[in-house]
Amino acid sequence: MGPDGILTSIDAEADNQISARALFVRGGFSSSRFRLIAGAPIEIMPKLRDGAYDIVFINGDKLEYVEYVASALRLLRHGGLLIVNDVLWNDHVADPDDQSDEGIIIREALEAITGSESYTQAMLPVGNGVLVAVKD
């Protein structure tokens, strides 16, 4: 992150934000360098400014991935990175016979990204899978 960058984190668990704040302060980061928002990402993301973000990292409620991906397209500047964690979801996503809610929703989110002309993407088969996409 550049010297004028600001990290924005949204977490539904307020206790996670308390721990993160303590770690940032202990690491010497000024409180003006990070913004920690406690709340449901699905409610907060629509309130954030269009085209203002270099990176959107998605690692929340799998059943909300489609909405997160839609918000990310609006939030990212051109050249920004969309990073989606757990895109293989314990090998459920790659199994076309898997009809679990998470598997279906993650597949829909991936289709929204790969079907969009707005992204150039690559999937990394590490952990539970990571998709990295650059907004064109």
Protein backbone atom coordinates (compact mmCIF):
# COMPACT_ATOMS: atom_id res chain seq x y z
CA MET A 1 0.00 0.00 0.00
CA GLY A 2 1.31 3.40 -0.93
CA PRO A 3 2.07 6.05 1.70
CA ASP A 4 -1.29 7.73 1.13
CA GLY A 5 -3.31 4.50 0.97
CA ILE A 6 -6.09 3.64 3.38
CA LEU A 7 -7.14 0.09 4.22
CA THR A 8 -10.88 -0.40 4.64
CA SER A 9 -12.08 -3.57 6.33
CA ILE A 10 -15.67 -4.65 6.87
CA ASP A 11 -16.39 -7.37 9.39
CA ALA A 12 -19.68 -8.48 10.90
CA GLU A 13 -17.82 -9.51 14.05
CA ALA A 14 -16.98 -6.32 15.98
CA ASP A 15 -14.49 -8.24 18.16
CA ASN A 16 -12.38 -8.92 15.06
CA GLN A 17 -12.18 -5.18 14.43
CA ILE A 18 -10.98 -4.54 17.99
CA SER A 19 -8.14 -7.04 17.53
CA ALA A 20 -7.25 -5.63 14.10
CA ARG A 21 -7.14 -2.06 15.43
CA ALA A 22 -4.80 -3.10 18.25
CA LEU A 23 -2.48 -4.86 15.79
CA PHE A 24 -2.37 -1.88 13.41
CA VAL A 25 -1.62 0.55 16.22
CA ARG A 26 1.03 -1.78 17.67
CA GLY A 27 2.54 -2.02 14.16
CA GLY A 28 2.94 1.75 14.08
CA PHE A 29 0.13 2.55 11.65
CA SER A 30 -1.67 5.82 12.21
CA SER A 31 -5.42 5.45 12.65
CA SER A 32 -5.79 7.63 9.53
CA ARG A 33 -4.30 4.74 7.48
CA PHE A 34 -7.09 2.26 8.19
CA ARG A 35 -10.85 2.28 8.44
CA LEU A 36 -12.45 -0.63 10.27
CA ILE A 37 -16.19 -0.94 9.80
CA ALA A 38 -18.21 -3.30 11.95
CA GLY A 39 -21.33 -4.48 10.17
CA ALA A 40 -22.71 -6.77 7.52
CA PRO A 41 -20.69 -6.37 4.30
CA ILE A 42 -23.87 -6.77 2.23
CA GLU A 43 -25.24 -3.63 3.91
CA ILE A 44 -22.00 -1.62 4.03
CA MET A 45 -20.58 -2.19 0.52
CA PRO A 46 -23.38 -0.28 -1.27
CA LYS A 47 -22.50 2.78 0.81
CA LEU A 48 -18.85 2.87 -0.29
CA ARG A 49 -17.63 5.21 -3.04
CA ASP A 50 -17.57 4.03 -6.66
CA GLY A 51 -14.16 3.47 -8.27
CA ALA A 52 -12.25 4.29 -5.09
CA TYR A 53 -10.56 0.97 -4.34
CA ASP A 54 -7.41 -0.71 -5.63
CA ILE A 55 -8.24 -4.12 -4.15
CA VAL A 56 -11.45 -5.80 -3.04
CA PHE A 57 -10.82 -9.03 -1.13
CA ILE A 58 -13.90 -11.21 -0.67
CA ASN A 59 -13.88 -13.72 2.15
CA GLY A 60 -17.26 -13.43 3.81
CA ASP A 61 -20.53 -15.28 3.85
CA LYS A 62 -20.41 -17.63 0.86
CA LEU A 63 -24.16 -17.24 0.34
CA GLU A 64 -23.59 -13.52 -0.37
CA TYR A 65 -20.70 -13.92 -2.85
CA VAL A 66 -22.82 -12.91 -5.86
CA GLU A 67 -23.73 -9.61 -4.18
CA TYR A 68 -20.12 -9.02 -3.08
CA VAL A 69 -18.88 -9.58 -6.64
CA ALA A 70 -21.47 -7.15 -8.01
CA SER A 71 -20.43 -4.50 -5.49
CA ALA A 72 -16.74 -5.08 -6.21
CA LEU A 73 -17.18 -4.21 -9.89
CA ARG A 74 -18.60 -0.84 -8.89
CA LEU A 75 -16.04 -0.21 -6.14
CA LEU A 76 -12.85 -1.06 -8.06
CA ARG A 77 -10.94 1.47 -10.11
CA HIS A 78 -9.69 0.37 -13.55
CA GLY A 79 -6.64 -1.81 -13.01
CA GLY A 80 -7.88 -2.76 -9.54
CA LEU A 81 -7.80 -6.33 -8.24
CA LEU A 82 -10.71 -8.48 -7.21
CA ILE A 83 -9.55 -11.35 -5.02
CA VAL A 84 -12.12 -14.00 -4.08
CA ASN A 85 -11.21 -16.58 -1.47
CA ASP A 86 -12.57 -20.14 -1.17
CA VAL A 87 -13.71 -20.39 -4.80
CA LEU A 88 -13.28 -24.18 -4.81
CA TRP A 89 -15.06 -24.53 -1.44
CA ASN A 90 -13.71 -27.90 -0.38
CA ASP A 91 -14.01 -29.20 -3.96
CA HIS A 92 -17.79 -28.67 -3.98
CA VAL A 93 -17.73 -25.91 -6.61
CA ALA A 94 -15.97 -28.02 -9.22
CA ASP A 95 -18.42 -30.89 -8.75
CA PRO A 96 -21.39 -30.21 -11.07
CA ASP A 97 -23.46 -32.71 -9.08
CA ASP A 98 -22.97 -30.77 -5.85
CA GLN A 99 -26.15 -28.83 -5.19
CA SER A 100 -25.20 -27.34 -1.83
CA ASP A 101 -26.21 -23.71 -1.41
CA GLU A 102 -22.59 -22.61 -1.08
CA GLY A 103 -21.50 -24.53 -4.17
CA ILE A 104 -24.29 -23.08 -6.29
CA ILE A 105 -23.76 -19.49 -5.12
CA ILE A 106 -19.99 -19.60 -5.54
CA ARG A 107 -20.45 -21.03 -9.07
CA GLU A 108 -22.83 -18.15 -9.85
CA ALA A 109 -20.32 -15.62 -8.53
CA LEU A 110 -17.55 -17.18 -10.65
CA GLU A 111 -19.78 -17.12 -13.72
CA ALA A 112 -20.48 -13.43 -13.12
CA ILE A 113 -16.74 -12.74 -13.12
CA THR A 114 -15.70 -15.02 -15.98
CA GLY A 115 -18.68 -13.94 -18.09
CA SER A 116 -17.92 -10.27 -17.61
CA GLU A 117 -15.91 -8.31 -20.13
CA SER A 118 -14.79 -6.12 -17.24
CA TYR A 119 -12.24 -8.58 -15.84
CA THR A 120 -9.19 -10.59 -16.82
CA GLN A 121 -8.98 -13.41 -14.30
CA ALA A 122 -7.01 -16.42 -13.15
CA MET A 123 -7.83 -19.08 -10.58
CA LEU A 124 -5.14 -20.29 -8.24
CA PRO A 125 -5.69 -23.81 -6.87
CA VAL A 126 -4.17 -23.04 -3.47
CA GLY A 127 -6.00 -23.83 -0.25
CA ASN A 128 -9.70 -23.76 -1.07
CA GLY A 129 -8.99 -21.82 -4.25
CA VAL A 130 -8.40 -18.14 -4.93
CA LEU A 131 -9.65 -16.21 -7.93
CA VAL A 132 -7.71 -13.07 -8.90
CA ALA A 133 -9.22 -10.73 -11.45
CA VAL A 134 -7.99 -7.41 -12.81
CA LYS A 135 -10.66 -4.89 -13.70
CA ASP A 136 -10.04 -3.79 -17.31
